[in-house]
Structure formats: C-alpha cells, structure tokens
C-alpha cells in the first residue's frame, strides 16, 4: 500500500513551476503530539489509524493532533514556551502547546495537564463528559474544574513540517513529544480514528516501509529520529537536542514526462525562507487521496 500522487496534484505542481490556474491555500497552524511510554522492550509510541472515509489523510497512521483554535490563545500556561524552536511569537507558541493538549484530550482521551503536586490526573466518572465538552468549549473548563495547569515544557518540540503547496488543505505543523501520563489510556472514538497501536519507533518505521502502517513522510521522519531512543527519557532528550527547521516538500522540474509535460522531482525546502535543503524521493503525497484501502477494509 503506497502513497500516490494523483494526476490533478501533478498538474498543480506543474502550475507552481510554470504558471497556471492554481492558487495554494495558506497553511493553518497546527500541533501534533507524539505520545511516548516505556514498554517492556523499550520506548513505545502511539499511532492512530484514520478512517478511510475522512477527506484529509484517509487511512494513514498519525499522531494525535489538529489545527489551532482561537480559544487556545485564551488558556493560561505555566511558564514560558520556547518560541524560537516553534518559529512562533510568545503568544502563538503558548497557544500551540495548548492546542496540542486540547487535541490530545479530545481525540484520544489523554489529558496532559498536572495538578499543584505536579501529578497528572487519573480518569474518573466525569472524564468523558469533560472530553466531549472540549469540542465546544476548549480545554480551559476541564483544566479549571480539575485544578490543573499546563506546563510550558509539557510538550517538547521535535520537528516542524508544512504541507506542500500542491494540496487543497495545508497545515503548518509543529510536532511535539510528551510522556504518556500514568493511569490514563488512549481511547479512540471509532469514527474519525478507528484504531490505535503502541509500537517501538523502529517497528513503526519498518511498518511504514512495508505498507503495514501507511503514513505520510513527516510521521515516518519523526519516528526515525525517535528510533535512536531506548527510553522515554532518552526520547525527550533527543527531542530537546534536535535542530528544527520548517520543512516542506517542493516540486522542481527534472525534464519532460511521457505526456509531454514537465517531469516533477521534489526537494525539501525551508518553508519560511524558500532555501533548498535536500532532494527527496517523494513529497508528502496527496493527503486528500493518499492511501488505497486494503482489500479487507
């Protein structure tokens, strides 16, 4: 099962290079959270499988996360977030952390706030009520009612990717890692997210390469970085030491295609400066039409 680049996306890439009827949408700020835990055989990461019915990234394996919401700017945060590593001014940097906490609670029922004793909460009878309310009211009410705060270092930046300009939906995504709180469990909703799995980063990379766990290249790249870690502590330390740049696959002309149009190759660029960084074998594919369903799905 491989990611594929539909013909209409190829035409958009050509339009970017030579001019044409395509105006890329501006990317939305977003946060993706890589949940980590220490397993019996080493560090494990949580991957979620998206439904094939979704309009964006159908069928792929992802980390929890989503786009920034205006209400995320209204939630206080304990400490100062390192905006330099997030390529964000202070207010946006703090909101990106809050967005990650909000999306993780809403999407998989994991709450990354802590009490005054520095301990994460454990689920109770109102857990699902609070989780459901997040979609309408943000994460603030749940935090206040439970006496929780979000620490500035609750999420550690590890990577930064921007959706290619050939896509109809684009996101400026900060990838951050976090320790899975003790006493909590990942619970998927069964609609948008249809399954979850905990794997070592190395096993997840092998699954991506074999097609068992289809995923977009940024997800695989983060897993590859984390595959060097044996424990959650080591993974967090690796994340803290990563040199982060806003990466974006970008088309280049590499000759003439069989149909007579431009043959398209791809490079990674700095999404903010346009600097070419390296050649890549494939872009992020088409997030809208990225994965062919398995026969048994």
C-alpha atoms as a PDB file:
ATOM      1  CA  UNK A   1       0.000   0.000   0.000  1.00  0.00           C
ATOM      2  CA  UNK A   2       1.838   3.086  -1.195  1.00  0.00           C
ATOM      3  CA  UNK A   3       1.152   6.778  -1.151  1.00  0.00           C
ATOM      4  CA  UNK A   4       0.357   8.009  -4.625  1.00  0.00           C
ATOM      5  CA  UNK A   5       0.340  11.351  -6.392  1.00  0.00           C
ATOM      6  CA  UNK A   6      -2.881  11.823  -8.383  1.00  0.00           C
ATOM      7  CA  UNK A   7      -2.695  13.430 -11.811  1.00  0.00           C
ATOM      8  CA  UNK A   8      -4.502  16.596 -10.726  1.00  0.00           C
ATOM      9  CA  UNK A   9      -1.916  17.105  -7.979  1.00  0.00           C
ATOM     10  CA  UNK A  10       0.877  16.685 -10.524  1.00  0.00           C
ATOM     11  CA  UNK A  11      -0.804  19.393 -12.604  1.00  0.00           C
ATOM     12  CA  UNK A  12      -0.798  21.705  -9.593  1.00  0.00           C
ATOM     13  CA  UNK A  13       2.921  21.069  -9.162  1.00  0.00           C
ATOM     14  CA  UNK A  14       3.478  21.993 -12.792  1.00  0.00           C
ATOM     15  CA  UNK A  15       1.369  25.128 -12.343  1.00  0.00           C
ATOM     16  CA  UNK A  16       3.566  26.192  -9.434  1.00  0.00           C
ATOM     17  CA  UNK A  17       6.632  25.957 -11.678  1.00  0.00           C
ATOM     18  CA  UNK A  18       5.412  27.457 -14.960  1.00  0.00           C
ATOM     19  CA  UNK A  19       2.232  29.291 -14.011  1.00  0.00           C
ATOM     20  CA  UNK A  20      -1.322  28.077 -14.232  1.00  0.00           C
ATOM     21  CA  UNK A  21      -4.729  28.009 -12.643  1.00  0.00           C
ATOM     22  CA  UNK A  22      -3.706  27.096  -9.111  1.00  0.00           C
ATOM     23  CA  UNK A  23      -3.508  29.317  -6.035  1.00  0.00           C
ATOM     24  CA  UNK A  24      -2.222  27.426  -2.965  1.00  0.00           C
ATOM     25  CA  UNK A  25      -4.221  27.994   0.226  1.00  0.00           C
ATOM     26  CA  UNK A  26      -2.387  29.411   3.215  1.00  0.00           C
ATOM     27  CA  UNK A  27      -1.417  26.743   5.770  1.00  0.00           C
ATOM     28  CA  UNK A  28      -3.122  26.691   9.169  1.00  0.00           C
ATOM     29  CA  UNK A  29      -1.058  26.442  12.339  1.00  0.00           C
ATOM     30  CA  UNK A  30      -1.385  23.013  13.937  1.00  0.00           C
ATOM     31  CA  UNK A  31       0.161  20.799  16.609  1.00  0.00           C
ATOM     32  CA  UNK A  32       0.791  17.070  16.553  1.00  0.00           C
ATOM     33  CA  UNK A  33       1.606  15.230  19.779  1.00  0.00           C
ATOM     34  CA  UNK A  34       3.801  12.144  19.859  1.00  0.00           C
ATOM     35  CA  UNK A  35       2.784  10.199  22.971  1.00  0.00           C
ATOM     36  CA  UNK A  36       5.561   8.042  24.438  1.00  0.00           C
ATOM     37  CA  UNK A  37       5.677   5.354  27.099  1.00  0.00           C
ATOM     38  CA  UNK A  38       8.241   2.890  28.402  1.00  0.00           C
ATOM     39  CA  UNK A  39       7.284  -0.630  27.306  1.00  0.00           C
ATOM     40  CA  UNK A  40       8.720  -3.963  28.305  1.00  0.00           C
ATOM     41  CA  UNK A  41      11.145  -3.902  25.358  1.00  0.00           C
ATOM     42  CA  UNK A  42      11.887  -0.181  25.270  1.00  0.00           C
ATOM     43  CA  UNK A  43      10.198   3.069  24.363  1.00  0.00           C
ATOM     44  CA  UNK A  44       6.869   2.881  22.518  1.00  0.00           C
ATOM     45  CA  UNK A  45       4.933   5.452  20.525  1.00  0.00           C
ATOM     46  CA  UNK A  46       1.186   5.694  19.949  1.00  0.00           C
ATOM     47  CA  UNK A  47      -0.048   5.661  16.350  1.00  0.00           C
ATOM     48  CA  UNK A  48      -3.657   6.251  15.329  1.00  0.00           C
ATOM     49  CA  UNK A  49      -5.280   4.964  12.144  1.00  0.00           C
ATOM     50  CA  UNK A  50      -7.570   7.450  10.442  1.00  0.00           C
ATOM     51  CA  UNK A  51     -10.780   6.315   8.801  1.00  0.00           C
ATOM     52  CA  UNK A  52     -10.771   5.853   5.032  1.00  0.00           C
ATOM     53  CA  UNK A  53     -13.928   7.996   4.969  1.00  0.00           C
ATOM     54  CA  UNK A  54     -12.108  11.152   6.043  1.00  0.00           C
ATOM     55  CA  UNK A  55     -11.435  13.874   3.446  1.00  0.00           C
ATOM     56  CA  UNK A  56      -7.903  14.563   4.731  1.00  0.00           C
ATOM     57  CA  UNK A  57      -5.212  11.895   5.136  1.00  0.00           C
ATOM     58  CA  UNK A  58      -7.633   8.958   4.803  1.00  0.00           C
ATOM     59  CA  UNK A  59      -6.379   5.606   6.039  1.00  0.00           C
ATOM     60  CA  UNK A  60      -2.986   6.800   7.233  1.00  0.00           C
ATOM     61  CA  UNK A  61      -1.376   6.331  10.630  1.00  0.00           C
ATOM     62  CA  UNK A  62      -0.856   9.572  12.517  1.00  0.00           C
ATOM     63  CA  UNK A  63      -0.139  11.032  15.918  1.00  0.00           C
ATOM     64  CA  UNK A  64      -2.908  12.844  17.833  1.00  0.00           C
ATOM     65  CA  UNK A  65      -3.283  16.491  16.910  1.00  0.00           C
ATOM     66  CA  UNK A  66      -5.045  19.122  14.900  1.00  0.00           C
ATOM     67  CA  UNK A  67      -5.340  22.752  13.904  1.00  0.00           C
ATOM     68  CA  UNK A  68      -5.020  25.708  16.238  1.00  0.00           C
ATOM     69  CA  UNK A  69      -8.278  27.223  17.528  1.00  0.00           C
ATOM     70  CA  UNK A  70      -8.762  30.870  18.527  1.00  0.00           C
ATOM     71  CA  UNK A  71      -9.758  29.776  22.034  1.00  0.00           C
ATOM     72  CA  UNK A  72      -6.300  28.235  22.539  1.00  0.00           C
ATOM     73  CA  UNK A  73      -4.909  31.758  22.946  1.00  0.00           C
ATOM     74  CA  UNK A  74      -7.152  32.337  25.996  1.00  0.00           C
ATOM     75  CA  UNK A  75      -5.822  29.466  28.133  1.00  0.00           C
ATOM     76  CA  UNK A  76      -3.006  30.374  30.568  1.00  0.00           C
ATOM     77  CA  UNK A  77       0.156  28.309  30.570  1.00  0.00           C
ATOM     78  CA  UNK A  78       2.616  27.711  33.398  1.00  0.00           C
ATOM     79  CA  UNK A  79       5.998  29.069  32.319  1.00  0.00           C
ATOM     80  CA  UNK A  80       7.444  30.367  29.080  1.00  0.00           C
ATOM     81  CA  UNK A  81       7.308  28.277  25.922  1.00  0.00           C
ATOM     82  CA  UNK A  82      10.449  28.311  23.766  1.00  0.00           C
ATOM     83  CA  UNK A  83       9.025  30.171  20.793  1.00  0.00           C
ATOM     84  CA  UNK A  84      12.304  30.088  18.873  1.00  0.00           C
ATOM     85  CA  UNK A  85      12.095  26.320  18.412  1.00  0.00           C
ATOM     86  CA  UNK A  86       8.464  26.627  17.322  1.00  0.00           C
ATOM     87  CA  UNK A  87       9.140  29.537  14.952  1.00  0.00           C
ATOM     88  CA  UNK A  88       6.437  31.446  16.772  1.00  0.00           C
ATOM     89  CA  UNK A  89       5.981  34.611  18.785  1.00  0.00           C
ATOM     90  CA  UNK A  90       5.310  34.008  22.512  1.00  0.00           C
ATOM     91  CA  UNK A  91       1.503  34.113  22.320  1.00  0.00           C
ATOM     92  CA  UNK A  92       1.391  31.744  19.353  1.00  0.00           C
ATOM     93  CA  UNK A  93       3.954  29.409  20.926  1.00  0.00           C
ATOM     94  CA  UNK A  94       1.853  29.070  24.083  1.00  0.00           C
ATOM     95  CA  UNK A  95      -1.317  28.555  22.038  1.00  0.00           C
ATOM     96  CA  UNK A  96       0.365  25.787  20.040  1.00  0.00           C
ATOM     97  CA  UNK A  97       1.106  23.896  23.268  1.00  0.00           C
ATOM     98  CA  UNK A  98      -2.484  24.389  24.442  1.00  0.00           C
ATOM     99  CA  UNK A  99      -3.739  23.182  21.053  1.00  0.00           C
ATOM    100  CA  UNK A 100      -1.708  20.003  21.460  1.00  0.00           C
ATOM    101  CA  UNK A 101      -3.159  19.392  24.926  1.00  0.00           C
ATOM    102  CA  UNK A 102      -6.679  20.130  23.714  1.00  0.00           C
ATOM    103  CA  UNK A 103      -6.479  17.910  20.648  1.00  0.00           C
ATOM    104  CA  UNK A 104      -4.922  15.023  22.566  1.00  0.00           C
ATOM    105  CA  UNK A 105      -7.689  15.073  25.168  1.00  0.00           C
ATOM    106  CA  UNK A 106     -10.455  15.416  22.592  1.00  0.00           C
ATOM    107  CA  UNK A 107      -9.047  12.863  20.171  1.00  0.00           C
ATOM    108  CA  UNK A 108      -7.778  10.089  22.432  1.00  0.00           C
ATOM    109  CA  UNK A 109      -8.869  10.986  25.979  1.00  0.00           C
ATOM    110  CA  UNK A 110      -5.384  11.723  27.280  1.00  0.00           C
ATOM    111  CA  UNK A 111      -5.126  14.864  29.434  1.00  0.00           C
ATOM    112  CA  UNK A 112      -1.632  16.353  29.677  1.00  0.00           C
ATOM    113  CA  UNK A 113      -2.306  18.853  32.477  1.00  0.00           C
ATOM    114  CA  UNK A 114      -0.939  18.434  36.015  1.00  0.00           C
ATOM    115  CA  UNK A 115      -2.183  19.323  39.496  1.00  0.00           C
ATOM    116  CA  UNK A 116      -0.434  21.520  42.061  1.00  0.00           C
ATOM    117  CA  UNK A 117       1.550  18.446  43.106  1.00  0.00           C
ATOM    118  CA  UNK A 118       2.871  18.042  39.563  1.00  0.00           C
ATOM    119  CA  UNK A 119       0.943  14.795  39.072  1.00  0.00           C
ATOM    120  CA  UNK A 120      -1.286  14.095  36.068  1.00  0.00           C
ATOM    121  CA  UNK A 121      -4.969  13.330  36.724  1.00  0.00           C
ATOM    122  CA  UNK A 122      -6.489   9.878  36.506  1.00  0.00           C
ATOM    123  CA  UNK A 123      -9.828   9.224  34.785  1.00  0.00           C
ATOM    124  CA  UNK A 124     -12.998   9.495  36.845  1.00  0.00           C
ATOM    125  CA  UNK A 125     -16.746   9.450  36.249  1.00  0.00           C
ATOM    126  CA  UNK A 126     -16.714  12.879  34.573  1.00  0.00           C
ATOM    127  CA  UNK A 127     -13.797  12.150  32.277  1.00  0.00           C
ATOM    128  CA  UNK A 128     -15.858  11.507  29.149  1.00  0.00           C
ATOM    129  CA  UNK A 129     -18.113  14.486  29.889  1.00  0.00           C
ATOM    130  CA  UNK A 130     -15.102  16.786  30.037  1.00  0.00           C
ATOM    131  CA  UNK A 131     -13.615  15.218  26.923  1.00  0.00           C
ATOM    132  CA  UNK A 132     -16.800  15.690  24.921  1.00  0.00           C
ATOM    133  CA  UNK A 133     -17.153  19.307  26.065  1.00  0.00           C
ATOM    134  CA  UNK A 134     -13.705  20.203  24.743  1.00  0.00           C
ATOM    135  CA  UNK A 135     -15.005  20.273  21.162  1.00  0.00           C
ATOM    136  CA  UNK A 136     -17.379  23.121  22.064  1.00  0.00           C
ATOM    137  CA  UNK A 137     -15.654  24.972  24.884  1.00  0.00           C
ATOM    138  CA  UNK A 138     -11.938  24.280  24.531  1.00  0.00           C
ATOM    139  CA  UNK A 139      -9.732  22.761  27.205  1.00  0.00           C
ATOM    140  CA  UNK A 140      -9.968  25.613  29.728  1.00  0.00           C
ATOM    141  CA  UNK A 141     -13.057  24.494  31.630  1.00  0.00           C
ATOM    142  CA  UNK A 142     -11.744  20.974  32.141  1.00  0.00           C
ATOM    143  CA  UNK A 143      -8.430  22.306  33.431  1.00  0.00           C
ATOM    144  CA  UNK A 144     -10.037  24.754  35.852  1.00  0.00           C
ATOM    145  CA  UNK A 145     -12.601  22.274  37.163  1.00  0.00           C
ATOM    146  CA  UNK A 146      -9.888  19.730  37.845  1.00  0.00           C
ATOM    147  CA  UNK A 147      -7.406  22.219  39.286  1.00  0.00           C
ATOM    148  CA  UNK A 148      -4.884  21.540  36.541  1.00  0.00           C
ATOM    149  CA  UNK A 149      -2.336  23.646  34.725  1.00  0.00           C
ATOM    150  CA  UNK A 150      -0.421  23.080  31.513  1.00  0.00           C
ATOM    151  CA  UNK A 151       3.330  23.343  31.917  1.00  0.00           C
ATOM    152  CA  UNK A 152       5.311  25.155  29.247  1.00  0.00           C
ATOM    153  CA  UNK A 153       7.530  22.083  28.938  1.00  0.00           C
ATOM    154  CA  UNK A 154       4.681  19.537  28.866  1.00  0.00           C
ATOM    155  CA  UNK A 155       5.311  19.162  25.133  1.00  0.00           C
ATOM    156  CA  UNK A 156       8.838  19.134  23.689  1.00  0.00           C
ATOM    157  CA  UNK A 157       9.265  20.239  20.052  1.00  0.00           C
ATOM    158  CA  UNK A 158      10.960  17.682  17.807  1.00  0.00           C
ATOM    159  CA  UNK A 159      10.078  18.627  14.195  1.00  0.00           C
ATOM    160  CA  UNK A 160       8.229  21.128  12.028  1.00  0.00           C
ATOM    161  CA  UNK A 161       6.599  20.313   8.683  1.00  0.00           C
ATOM    162  CA  UNK A 162       4.430  22.334   6.315  1.00  0.00           C
ATOM    163  CA  UNK A 163       2.002  20.712   3.860  1.00  0.00           C
ATOM    164  CA  UNK A 164       3.165  21.128   0.226  1.00  0.00           C
ATOM    165  CA  UNK A 165       1.651  23.912  -1.839  1.00  0.00           C
ATOM    166  CA  UNK A 166       0.017  21.352  -4.160  1.00  0.00           C
ATOM    167  CA  UNK A 167      -2.584  20.440  -1.528  1.00  0.00           C
ATOM    168  CA  UNK A 168      -6.072  21.855  -1.044  1.00  0.00           C
ATOM    169  CA  UNK A 169      -5.727  21.581   2.744  1.00  0.00           C
ATOM    170  CA  UNK A 170      -2.475  22.831   4.186  1.00  0.00           C
ATOM    171  CA  UNK A 171      -1.113  22.865   7.735  1.00  0.00           C
ATOM    172  CA  UNK A 172       1.933  24.372   9.407  1.00  0.00           C
ATOM    173  CA  UNK A 173       2.534  21.562  11.872  1.00  0.00           C
ATOM    174  CA  UNK A 174       4.731  21.560  14.948  1.00  0.00           C
ATOM    175  CA  UNK A 175       5.491  18.020  16.107  1.00  0.00           C
ATOM    176  CA  UNK A 176       5.965  17.704  19.868  1.00  0.00           C
ATOM    177  CA  UNK A 177       6.671  14.735  22.118  1.00  0.00           C
ATOM    178  CA  UNK A 178       5.103  14.037  25.512  1.00  0.00           C
ATOM    179  CA  UNK A 179       5.253  11.346  28.156  1.00  0.00           C
ATOM    180  CA  UNK A 180       2.037   9.329  28.422  1.00  0.00           C
ATOM    181  CA  UNK A 181       0.558  10.070  31.892  1.00  0.00           C
ATOM    182  CA  UNK A 182       0.403   7.153  34.299  1.00  0.00           C
ATOM    183  CA  UNK A 183      -3.101   5.871  34.963  1.00  0.00           C
ATOM    184  CA  UNK A 184      -4.501   7.107  31.654  1.00  0.00           C
ATOM    185  CA  UNK A 185      -5.290   5.139  28.495  1.00  0.00           C
ATOM    186  CA  UNK A 186      -5.694   6.002  24.847  1.00  0.00           C
ATOM    187  CA  UNK A 187      -9.352   5.681  23.830  1.00  0.00           C
ATOM    188  CA  UNK A 188     -10.195   6.305  20.165  1.00  0.00           C
ATOM    189  CA  UNK A 189     -13.652   7.459  19.076  1.00  0.00           C
ATOM    190  CA  UNK A 190     -14.152   4.742  16.436  1.00  0.00           C
ATOM    191  CA  UNK A 191     -15.328   7.242  13.810  1.00  0.00           C
ATOM    192  CA  UNK A 192     -12.524   9.534  12.669  1.00  0.00           C
ATOM    193  CA  UNK A 193      -9.920   7.405  14.428  1.00  0.00           C
ATOM    194  CA  UNK A 194     -10.680   3.723  14.044  1.00  0.00           C
ATOM    195  CA  UNK A 195      -7.717   2.066  15.775  1.00  0.00           C
ATOM    196  CA  UNK A 196      -4.630   2.727  17.883  1.00  0.00           C
ATOM    197  CA  UNK A 197      -1.410   0.815  18.317  1.00  0.00           C
ATOM    198  CA  UNK A 198       1.680   1.158  20.505  1.00  0.00           C
ATOM    199  CA  UNK A 199       4.924   0.266  18.757  1.00  0.00           C
ATOM    200  CA  UNK A 200       8.606   0.894  19.120  1.00  0.00           C
ATOM    201  CA  UNK A 201       9.631   3.716  16.758  1.00  0.00           C
ATOM    202  CA  UNK A 202      11.842   1.304  14.827  1.00  0.00           C
ATOM    203  CA  UNK A 203       8.972  -1.172  14.362  1.00  0.00           C
ATOM    204  CA  UNK A 204       6.720   1.665  13.207  1.00  0.00           C
ATOM    205  CA  UNK A 205       9.306   2.701  10.605  1.00  0.00           C
ATOM    206  CA  UNK A 206       9.531  -0.879   9.352  1.00  0.00           C
ATOM    207  CA  UNK A 207       5.732  -0.995   9.183  1.00  0.00           C
ATOM    208  CA  UNK A 208       5.671   2.222   7.187  1.00  0.00           C
ATOM    209  CA  UNK A 209       8.189   0.851   4.717  1.00  0.00           C
ATOM    210  CA  UNK A 210       6.355  -2.472   4.326  1.00  0.00           C
ATOM    211  CA  UNK A 211       2.931  -0.837   3.941  1.00  0.00           C
ATOM    212  CA  UNK A 212       1.552  -2.392   7.111  1.00  0.00           C
ATOM    213  CA  UNK A 213       1.296   1.041   8.727  1.00  0.00           C
ATOM    214  CA  UNK A 214       0.871   3.566   5.896  1.00  0.00           C
ATOM    215  CA  UNK A 215       1.855   7.061   6.927  1.00  0.00           C
ATOM    216  CA  UNK A 216       2.938  10.354   5.458  1.00  0.00           C
ATOM    217  CA  UNK A 217       6.685  11.034   5.287  1.00  0.00           C
ATOM    218  CA  UNK A 218       6.795  13.585   8.158  1.00  0.00           C
ATOM    219  CA  UNK A 219       5.385  10.964  10.535  1.00  0.00           C
ATOM    220  CA  UNK A 220       7.973   8.447   9.390  1.00  0.00           C
ATOM    221  CA  UNK A 221      10.741  11.029   9.738  1.00  0.00           C
ATOM    222  CA  UNK A 222       9.830  11.748  13.370  1.00  0.00           C
ATOM    223  CA  UNK A 223       9.680   8.027  14.146  1.00  0.00           C
ATOM    224  CA  UNK A 224      13.091   7.560  12.567  1.00  0.00           C
ATOM    225  CA  UNK A 225      14.518  10.244  14.834  1.00  0.00           C
ATOM    226  CA  UNK A 226      12.960   8.608  17.886  1.00  0.00           C
ATOM    227  CA  UNK A 227      14.226   5.144  16.912  1.00  0.00           C
ATOM    228  CA  UNK A 228      17.568   6.086  18.482  1.00  0.00           C
ATOM    229  CA  UNK A 229      15.967   6.175  21.954  1.00  0.00           C
ATOM    230  CA  UNK A 230      15.662   3.238  24.341  1.00  0.00           C
ATOM    231  CA  UNK A 231      13.549   5.016  26.965  1.00  0.00           C
ATOM    232  CA  UNK A 232      11.113   7.917  27.169  1.00  0.00           C
ATOM    233  CA  UNK A 233      13.772   9.959  28.983  1.00  0.00           C
ATOM    234  CA  UNK A 234      16.165   9.383  26.084  1.00  0.00           C
ATOM    235  CA  UNK A 235      13.463  10.259  23.549  1.00  0.00           C
ATOM    236  CA  UNK A 236      12.740  13.558  25.324  1.00  0.00           C
ATOM    237  CA  UNK A 237      16.444  14.347  25.409  1.00  0.00           C
ATOM    238  CA  UNK A 238      16.742  13.634  21.689  1.00  0.00           C
ATOM    239  CA  UNK A 239      13.826  15.960  21.027  1.00  0.00           C
ATOM    240  CA  UNK A 240      15.396  18.733  23.087  1.00  0.00           C
ATOM    241  CA  UNK A 241      18.585  18.412  21.053  1.00  0.00           C
ATOM    242  CA  UNK A 242      17.007  18.417  17.596  1.00  0.00           C
ATOM    243  CA  UNK A 243      17.799  21.300  15.255  1.00  0.00           C
ATOM    244  CA  UNK A 244      14.353  22.216  13.964  1.00  0.00           C
ATOM    245  CA  UNK A 245      13.511  23.899  10.678  1.00  0.00           C
ATOM    246  CA  UNK A 246      10.115  24.285   8.973  1.00  0.00           C
ATOM    247  CA  UNK A 247      10.430  21.643   6.252  1.00  0.00           C
ATOM    248  CA  UNK A 248       8.235  21.489   3.162  1.00  0.00           C
ATOM    249  CA  UNK A 249       8.413  19.263   0.062  1.00  0.00           C
ATOM    250  CA  UNK A 250       8.517  21.435  -3.050  1.00  0.00           C
ATOM    251  CA  UNK A 251       8.354  20.453  -6.750  1.00  0.00           C
ATOM    252  CA  UNK A 252      11.175  21.016  -9.204  1.00  0.00           C
ATOM    253  CA  UNK A 253      11.370  20.357 -12.948  1.00  0.00           C
ATOM    254  CA  UNK A 254      13.514  17.349 -13.842  1.00  0.00           C
ATOM    255  CA  UNK A 255      12.879  17.004 -17.586  1.00  0.00           C
ATOM    256  CA  UNK A 256       9.959  16.001 -19.783  1.00  0.00           C
ATOM    257  CA  UNK A 257       7.310  13.472 -18.772  1.00  0.00           C
ATOM    258  CA  UNK A 258       5.771  10.846 -21.047  1.00  0.00           C
ATOM    259  CA  UNK A 259       2.703  13.054 -21.539  1.00  0.00           C
ATOM    260  CA  UNK A 260       4.882  15.889 -22.793  1.00  0.00           C
ATOM    261  CA  UNK A 261       4.531  17.972 -19.633  1.00  0.00           C
ATOM    262  CA  UNK A 262       7.162  18.707 -17.055  1.00  0.00           C
ATOM    263  CA  UNK A 263       8.515  15.728 -15.172  1.00  0.00           C
ATOM    264  CA  UNK A 264       8.359  16.555 -11.480  1.00  0.00           C
ATOM    265  CA  UNK A 265      11.012  15.909  -8.864  1.00  0.00           C
ATOM    266  CA  UNK A 266      10.959  17.034  -5.263  1.00  0.00           C
ATOM    267  CA  UNK A 267      13.226  18.798  -2.822  1.00  0.00           C
ATOM    268  CA  UNK A 268      12.858  19.766   0.805  1.00  0.00           C
ATOM    269  CA  UNK A 269      12.889  23.493   1.369  1.00  0.00           C
ATOM    270  CA  UNK A 270      12.738  25.751   4.378  1.00  0.00           C
ATOM    271  CA  UNK A 271       9.051  26.705   4.198  1.00  0.00           C
ATOM    272  CA  UNK A 272       9.704  30.162   5.628  1.00  0.00           C
ATOM    273  CA  UNK A 273      12.781  31.182   3.622  1.00  0.00           C
ATOM    274  CA  UNK A 274      12.475  29.029   0.478  1.00  0.00           C
ATOM    275  CA  UNK A 275      16.034  27.721   0.887  1.00  0.00           C
ATOM    276  CA  UNK A 276      16.592  24.332  -0.780  1.00  0.00           C
ATOM    277  CA  UNK A 277      17.789  21.832   1.821  1.00  0.00           C
ATOM    278  CA  UNK A 278      17.931  18.404   0.156  1.00  0.00           C
ATOM    279  CA  UNK A 279      16.462  16.179  -2.526  1.00  0.00           C
ATOM    280  CA  UNK A 280      13.745  13.721  -1.535  1.00  0.00           C
ATOM    281  CA  UNK A 281      12.353  10.635  -3.205  1.00  0.00           C
ATOM    282  CA  UNK A 282       8.736  11.660  -2.769  1.00  0.00           C
ATOM    283  CA  UNK A 283       6.721  14.522  -1.318  1.00  0.00           C
ATOM    284  CA  UNK A 284       4.017  14.178   1.299  1.00  0.00           C
ATOM    285  CA  UNK A 285       1.962  12.560  -1.423  1.00  0.00           C
ATOM    286  CA  UNK A 286      -1.615  13.652  -1.638  1.00  0.00           C
ATOM    287  CA  UNK A 287      -3.032  13.967   1.840  1.00  0.00           C
ATOM    288  CA  UNK A 288      -6.509  14.097   0.313  1.00  0.00           C
ATOM    289  CA  UNK A 289      -6.097  10.936  -1.797  1.00  0.00           C
ATOM    290  CA  UNK A 290      -3.098   9.337  -0.196  1.00  0.00           C
ATOM    291  CA  UNK A 291      -3.805   5.697   0.555  1.00  0.00           C
ATOM    292  CA  UNK A 292      -5.595   2.960  -1.285  1.00  0.00           C
ATOM    293  CA  UNK A 293      -7.886   0.992   1.084  1.00  0.00           C
ATOM    294  CA  UNK A 294      -6.794  -2.524   1.940  1.00  0.00           C
ATOM    295  CA  UNK A 295      -8.903  -5.302   0.474  1.00  0.00           C
ATOM    296  CA  UNK A 296     -10.114  -6.371   3.911  1.00  0.00           C
ATOM    297  CA  UNK A 297     -11.248  -2.882   4.981  1.00  0.00           C
END
